[in-house]
PDB file of N, CA and C in Angstrom:
ATOM      1  N   MET A   1      -3.453  15.374  -5.525  1.00  0.00           N
ATOM      2  CA  MET A   1      -1.937  15.394  -5.660  1.00  0.00           C
ATOM      3  C   MET A   1      -1.308  15.129  -4.284  1.00  0.00           C
ATOM      4  N   GLN A   2      -2.098  15.347  -3.225  1.00  0.00           N
ATOM      5  CA  GLN A   2      -1.482  15.084  -1.899  1.00  0.00           C
ATOM      6  C   GLN A   2      -1.313  13.587  -1.722  1.00  0.00           C
ATOM      7  N   TYR A   3      -2.172  12.751  -2.327  1.00  0.00           N
ATOM      8  CA  TYR A   3      -1.981  11.333  -2.257  1.00  0.00           C
ATOM      9  C   TYR A   3      -0.714  10.890  -2.869  1.00  0.00           C
ATOM     10  N   VAL A   4      -0.283  11.531  -3.913  1.00  0.00           N
ATOM     11  CA  VAL A   4       0.999  11.173  -4.579  1.00  0.00           C
ATOM     12  C   VAL A   4       2.164  11.568  -3.702  1.00  0.00           C
ATOM     13  N   GLU A   5       2.074  12.687  -2.987  1.00  0.00           N
ATOM     14  CA  GLU A   5       3.133  13.086  -2.101  1.00  0.00           C
ATOM     15  C   GLU A   5       3.228  12.115  -0.918  1.00  0.00           C
ATOM     16  N   ILE A   6       2.061  11.758  -0.391  1.00  0.00           N
ATOM     17  CA  ILE A   6       2.091  10.880   0.770  1.00  0.00           C
ATOM     18  C   ILE A   6       2.642   9.482   0.377  1.00  0.00           C
ATOM     19  N   PHE A   7       2.097   8.987  -0.772  1.00  0.00           N
ATOM     20  CA  PHE A   7       2.654   7.688  -1.314  1.00  0.00           C
ATOM     21  C   PHE A   7       4.138   7.708  -1.495  1.00  0.00           C
ATOM     22  N   THR A   8       4.649   8.720  -2.138  1.00  0.00           N
ATOM     23  CA  THR A   8       6.165   8.778  -2.400  1.00  0.00           C
ATOM     24  C   THR A   8       6.894   8.956  -1.107  1.00  0.00           C
ATOM     25  N   LEU A   9       6.354   9.653  -0.144  1.00  0.00           N
ATOM     26  CA  LEU A   9       7.022   9.806   1.127  1.00  0.00           C
ATOM     27  C   LEU A   9       7.105   8.445   1.845  1.00  0.00           C
ATOM     28  N   VAL A  10       6.003   7.688   1.869  1.00  0.00           N
ATOM     29  CA  VAL A  10       6.036   6.365   2.449  1.00  0.00           C
ATOM     30  C   VAL A  10       6.954   5.443   1.659  1.00  0.00           C
ATOM     31  N   LEU A  11       6.921   5.495   0.310  1.00  0.00           N
ATOM     32  CA  LEU A  11       7.801   4.691  -0.535  1.00  0.00           C
ATOM     33  C   LEU A  11       9.251   5.031  -0.197  1.00  0.00           C
ATOM     34  N   PHE A  12       9.544   6.280  -0.015  1.00  0.00           N
ATOM     35  CA  PHE A  12      10.939   6.697   0.302  1.00  0.00           C
ATOM     36  C   PHE A  12      11.338   6.098   1.634  1.00  0.00           C
ATOM     37  N   ALA A  13      10.541   6.204   2.602  1.00  0.00           N
ATOM     38  CA  ALA A  13      10.869   5.688   3.925  1.00  0.00           C
ATOM     39  C   ALA A  13      11.139   4.155   3.844  1.00  0.00           C
ATOM     40  N   VAL A  14      10.303   3.460   3.159  1.00  0.00           N
ATOM     41  CA  VAL A  14      10.446   1.969   3.075  1.00  0.00           C
ATOM     42  C   VAL A  14      11.724   1.650   2.267  1.00  0.00           C
ATOM     43  N   LEU A  15      11.850   2.235   1.103  1.00  0.00           N
ATOM     44  CA  LEU A  15      13.016   1.848   0.289  1.00  0.00           C
ATOM     45  C   LEU A  15      14.333   2.285   0.906  1.00  0.00           C
ATOM     46  N   PHE A  16      14.325   3.467   1.549  1.00  0.00           N
ATOM     47  CA  PHE A  16      15.558   3.981   2.123  1.00  0.00           C
ATOM     48  C   PHE A  16      15.969   3.086   3.266  1.00  0.00           C
ATOM     49  N   SER A  17      15.046   2.759   4.119  1.00  0.00           N
ATOM     50  CA  SER A  17      15.348   1.889   5.301  1.00  0.00           C
ATOM     51  C   SER A  17      15.823   0.459   4.900  1.00  0.00           C
ATOM     52  N   ILE A  18      15.214  -0.048   3.858  1.00  0.00           N
ATOM     53  CA  ILE A  18      15.633  -1.341   3.342  1.00  0.00           C
ATOM     54  C   ILE A  18      17.043  -1.252   2.708  1.00  0.00           C
ATOM     55  N   GLY A  19      17.261  -0.189   1.934  1.00  0.00           N
ATOM     56  CA  GLY A  19      18.541  -0.029   1.278  1.00  0.00           C
ATOM     57  C   GLY A  19      19.621   0.279   2.313  1.00  0.00           C
ATOM     58  N   TYR A  20      19.339   0.965   3.384  1.00  0.00           N
ATOM     59  CA  TYR A  20      20.315   1.236   4.398  1.00  0.00           C
ATOM     60  C   TYR A  20      20.674  -0.024   5.121  1.00  0.00           C
ATOM     61  N   LYS A  21      19.647  -0.887   5.467  1.00  0.00           N
ATOM     62  CA  LYS A  21      19.854  -2.042   6.217  1.00  0.00           C
ATOM     63  C   LYS A  21      20.731  -3.092   5.389  1.00  0.00           C
ATOM     64  N   LYS A  22      20.447  -3.138   4.086  1.00  0.00           N
ATOM     65  CA  LYS A  22      21.192  -4.100   3.255  1.00  0.00           C
ATOM     66  C   LYS A  22      22.427  -3.484   2.639  1.00  0.00           C
ATOM     67  N   ASN A  23      22.714  -2.231   2.940  1.00  0.00           N
ATOM     68  CA  ASN A  23      23.852  -1.526   2.416  1.00  0.00           C
ATOM     69  C   ASN A  23      23.787  -1.473   0.888  1.00  0.00           C
ATOM     70  N   ASN A  24      22.595  -1.135   0.365  1.00  0.00           N
ATOM     71  CA  ASN A  24      22.387  -1.128  -1.066  1.00  0.00           C
ATOM     72  C   ASN A  24      22.159   0.397  -1.500  1.00  0.00           C
ATOM     73  N   ARG A  25      23.247   0.901  -2.034  1.00  0.00           N
ATOM     74  CA  ARG A  25      23.187   2.329  -2.455  1.00  0.00           C
ATOM     75  C   ARG A  25      22.199   2.623  -3.599  1.00  0.00           C
ATOM     76  N   ASN A  26      22.055   1.633  -4.488  1.00  0.00           N
ATOM     77  CA  ASN A  26      21.141   1.847  -5.577  1.00  0.00           C
ATOM     78  C   ASN A  26      19.678   2.018  -5.112  1.00  0.00           C
ATOM     79  N   MET A  27      19.355   1.241  -4.098  1.00  0.00           N
ATOM     80  CA  MET A  27      17.959   1.259  -3.541  1.00  0.00           C
ATOM     81  C   MET A  27      17.754   2.636  -2.820  1.00  0.00           C
ATOM     82  N   MET A  28      18.810   3.123  -2.110  1.00  0.00           N
ATOM     83  CA  MET A  28      18.714   4.408  -1.428  1.00  0.00           C
ATOM     84  C   MET A  28      18.598   5.498  -2.491  1.00  0.00           C
ATOM     85  N   LEU A  29      19.298   5.386  -3.611  1.00  0.00           N
ATOM     86  CA  LEU A  29      19.221   6.398  -4.627  1.00  0.00           C
ATOM     87  C   LEU A  29      17.822   6.405  -5.250  1.00  0.00           C
ATOM     88  N   THR A  30      17.196   5.188  -5.502  1.00  0.00           N
ATOM     89  CA  THR A  30      15.884   5.089  -5.987  1.00  0.00           C
ATOM     90  C   THR A  30      14.910   5.781  -5.057  1.00  0.00           C
ATOM     91  N   ALA A  31      15.086   5.525  -3.765  1.00  0.00           N
ATOM     92  CA  ALA A  31      14.224   6.097  -2.722  1.00  0.00           C
ATOM     93  C   ALA A  31      14.304   7.663  -2.812  1.00  0.00           C
ATOM     94  N   SER A  32      15.467   8.145  -2.941  1.00  0.00           N
ATOM     95  CA  SER A  32      15.687   9.580  -2.992  1.00  0.00           C
ATOM     96  C   SER A  32      15.049  10.179  -4.261  1.00  0.00           C
ATOM     97  N   LEU A  33      15.128   9.499  -5.404  1.00  0.00           N
ATOM     98  CA  LEU A  33      14.516   9.958  -6.588  1.00  0.00           C
ATOM     99  C   LEU A  33      13.024   9.955  -6.505  1.00  0.00           C
ATOM    100  N   CYS A  34      12.455   8.930  -5.875  1.00  0.00           N
ATOM    101  CA  CYS A  34      11.018   8.823  -5.618  1.00  0.00           C
ATOM    102  C   CYS A  34      10.570  10.087  -4.824  1.00  0.00           C
ATOM    103  N   LEU A  35      11.332  10.420  -3.830  1.00  0.00           N
ATOM    104  CA  LEU A  35      10.954  11.549  -3.007  1.00  0.00           C
ATOM    105  C   LEU A  35      11.048  12.837  -3.832  1.00  0.00           C
ATOM    106  N   LEU A  36      12.091  13.017  -4.616  1.00  0.00           N
ATOM    107  CA  LEU A  36      12.208  14.142  -5.453  1.00  0.00           C
ATOM    108  C   LEU A  36      11.141  14.288  -6.463  1.00  0.00           C
ATOM    109  N   ILE A  37      10.778  13.232  -7.102  1.00  0.00           N
ATOM    110  CA  ILE A  37       9.681  13.213  -8.088  1.00  0.00           C
ATOM    111  C   ILE A  37       8.349  13.498  -7.452  1.00  0.00           C
ATOM    112  N   GLY A  38       8.133  12.902  -6.250  1.00  0.00           N
ATOM    113  CA  GLY A  38       6.869  13.087  -5.540  1.00  0.00           C
ATOM    114  C   GLY A  38       6.609  14.499  -5.142  1.00  0.00           C
ATOM    115  N   PHE A  39       7.638  15.240  -4.707  1.00  0.00           N
ATOM    116  CA  PHE A  39       7.406  16.635  -4.365  1.00  0.00           C
ATOM    117  C   PHE A  39       7.591  17.630  -5.474  1.00  0.00           C
ATOM    118  N   ALA A  40       8.092  17.214  -6.548  1.00  0.00           N
ATOM    119  CA  ALA A  40       8.310  18.095  -7.687  1.00  0.00           C
ATOM    120  C   ALA A  40       7.252  18.028  -8.778  1.00  0.00           C
ATOM    121  N   ILE A  41       6.410  16.983  -8.687  1.00  0.00           N
ATOM    122  CA  ILE A  41       5.446  16.718  -9.729  1.00  0.00           C
ATOM    123  C   ILE A  41       4.299  17.805  -9.702  1.00  0.00           C
ATOM    124  N   GLU A  42       3.851  18.190  -8.513  1.00  0.00           N
ATOM    125  CA  GLU A  42       2.744  19.092  -8.431  1.00  0.00           C
ATOM    126  C   GLU A  42       3.085  20.445  -9.049  1.00  0.00           C
ATOM    127  N   PRO A  43       4.201  21.144  -8.715  1.00  0.00           N
ATOM    128  CA  PRO A  43       4.523  22.412  -9.333  1.00  0.00           C
ATOM    129  C   PRO A  43       4.765  22.214 -10.881  1.00  0.00           C
ATOM    130  N   PHE A  44       5.313  21.063 -11.304  1.00  0.00           N
ATOM    131  CA  PHE A  44       5.465  20.849 -12.739  1.00  0.00           C
ATOM    132  C   PHE A  44       4.134  20.823 -13.430  1.00  0.00           C
ATOM    133  N   VAL A  45       3.153  20.066 -12.855  1.00  0.00           N
ATOM    134  CA  VAL A  45       1.848  19.959 -13.539  1.00  0.00           C
ATOM    135  C   VAL A  45       1.135  21.289 -13.579  1.00  0.00           C
ATOM    136  N   ILE A  46       1.222  21.980 -12.506  1.00  0.00           N
ATOM    137  CA  ILE A  46       0.539  23.304 -12.415  1.00  0.00           C
ATOM    138  C   ILE A  46       1.171  24.281 -13.494  1.00  0.00           C
ATOM    139  N   GLY A  47       2.478  24.323 -13.597  1.00  0.00           N
ATOM    140  CA  GLY A  47       3.159  25.121 -14.595  1.00  0.00           C
ATOM    141  C   GLY A  47       2.865  24.678 -15.987  1.00  0.00           C
ATOM    142  N   PHE A  48       2.784  23.330 -16.174  1.00  0.00           N
ATOM    143  CA  PHE A  48       2.454  22.829 -17.538  1.00  0.00           C
ATOM    144  C   PHE A  48       1.064  23.295 -17.936  1.00  0.00           C
ATOM    145  N   GLU A  49       0.105  23.080 -17.037  1.00  0.00           N
ATOM    146  CA  GLU A  49      -1.258  23.523 -17.359  1.00  0.00           C
ATOM    147  C   GLU A  49      -1.340  24.984 -17.614  1.00  0.00           C
ATOM    148  N   GLN A  50      -0.691  25.835 -16.784  1.00  0.00           N
ATOM    149  CA  GLN A  50      -0.649  27.222 -17.097  1.00  0.00           C
ATOM    150  C   GLN A  50      -0.030  27.597 -18.456  1.00  0.00           C
ATOM    151  N   GLY A  51       0.989  26.853 -18.782  1.00  0.00           N
ATOM    152  CA  GLY A  51       1.631  27.105 -20.071  1.00  0.00           C
ATOM    153  C   GLY A  51       0.714  26.802 -21.257  1.00  0.00           C
ATOM    154  N   ILE A  52      -0.026  25.677 -21.124  1.00  0.00           N
ATOM    155  CA  ILE A  52      -0.913  25.294 -22.185  1.00  0.00           C
ATOM    156  C   ILE A  52      -2.040  26.291 -22.241  1.00  0.00           C
ATOM    157  N   ALA A  53      -2.567  26.715 -21.131  1.00  0.00           N
ATOM    158  CA  ALA A  53      -3.615  27.733 -21.069  1.00  0.00           C
ATOM    159  C   ALA A  53      -3.190  29.143 -21.715  1.00  0.00           C
ATOM    160  N   ASP A  54      -1.979  29.495 -21.397  1.00  0.00           N
ATOM    161  CA  ASP A  54      -1.455  30.734 -21.943  1.00  0.00           C
ATOM    162  C   ASP A  54      -1.234  30.602 -23.432  1.00  0.00           C
ATOM    163  N   ALA A  55      -0.835  29.457 -23.963  1.00  0.00           N
ATOM    164  CA  ALA A  55      -0.553  29.241 -25.360  1.00  0.00           C
ATOM    165  C   ALA A  55      -1.819  29.288 -26.167  1.00  0.00           C
ATOM    166  N   ARG A  56      -2.986  28.904 -25.546  1.00  0.00           N
ATOM    167  CA  ARG A  56      -4.232  28.941 -26.211  1.00  0.00           C
ATOM    168  C   ARG A  56      -4.827  30.342 -26.340  1.00  0.00           C
ATOM    169  N   ASN A  57      -4.427  31.228 -25.400  1.00  0.00           N
ATOM    170  CA  ASN A  57      -4.968  32.599 -25.453  1.00  0.00           C
ATOM    171  C   ASN A  57      -4.087  33.502 -26.247  1.00  0.00           C
TER     172      ASN A  57
END
């Protein structure tokens, strides 16, 4: 899961800098969403797995 976080952090930096340089707000928004998804996916997956495990018991 750490590879996903590192990848989305790098993707955020690249997209945000390009969007800022070109004054493209949609690209900066996409970069911010990539960062949000990258750091929110791990707790979501852990919670989902725990929920499935609890439903089986």
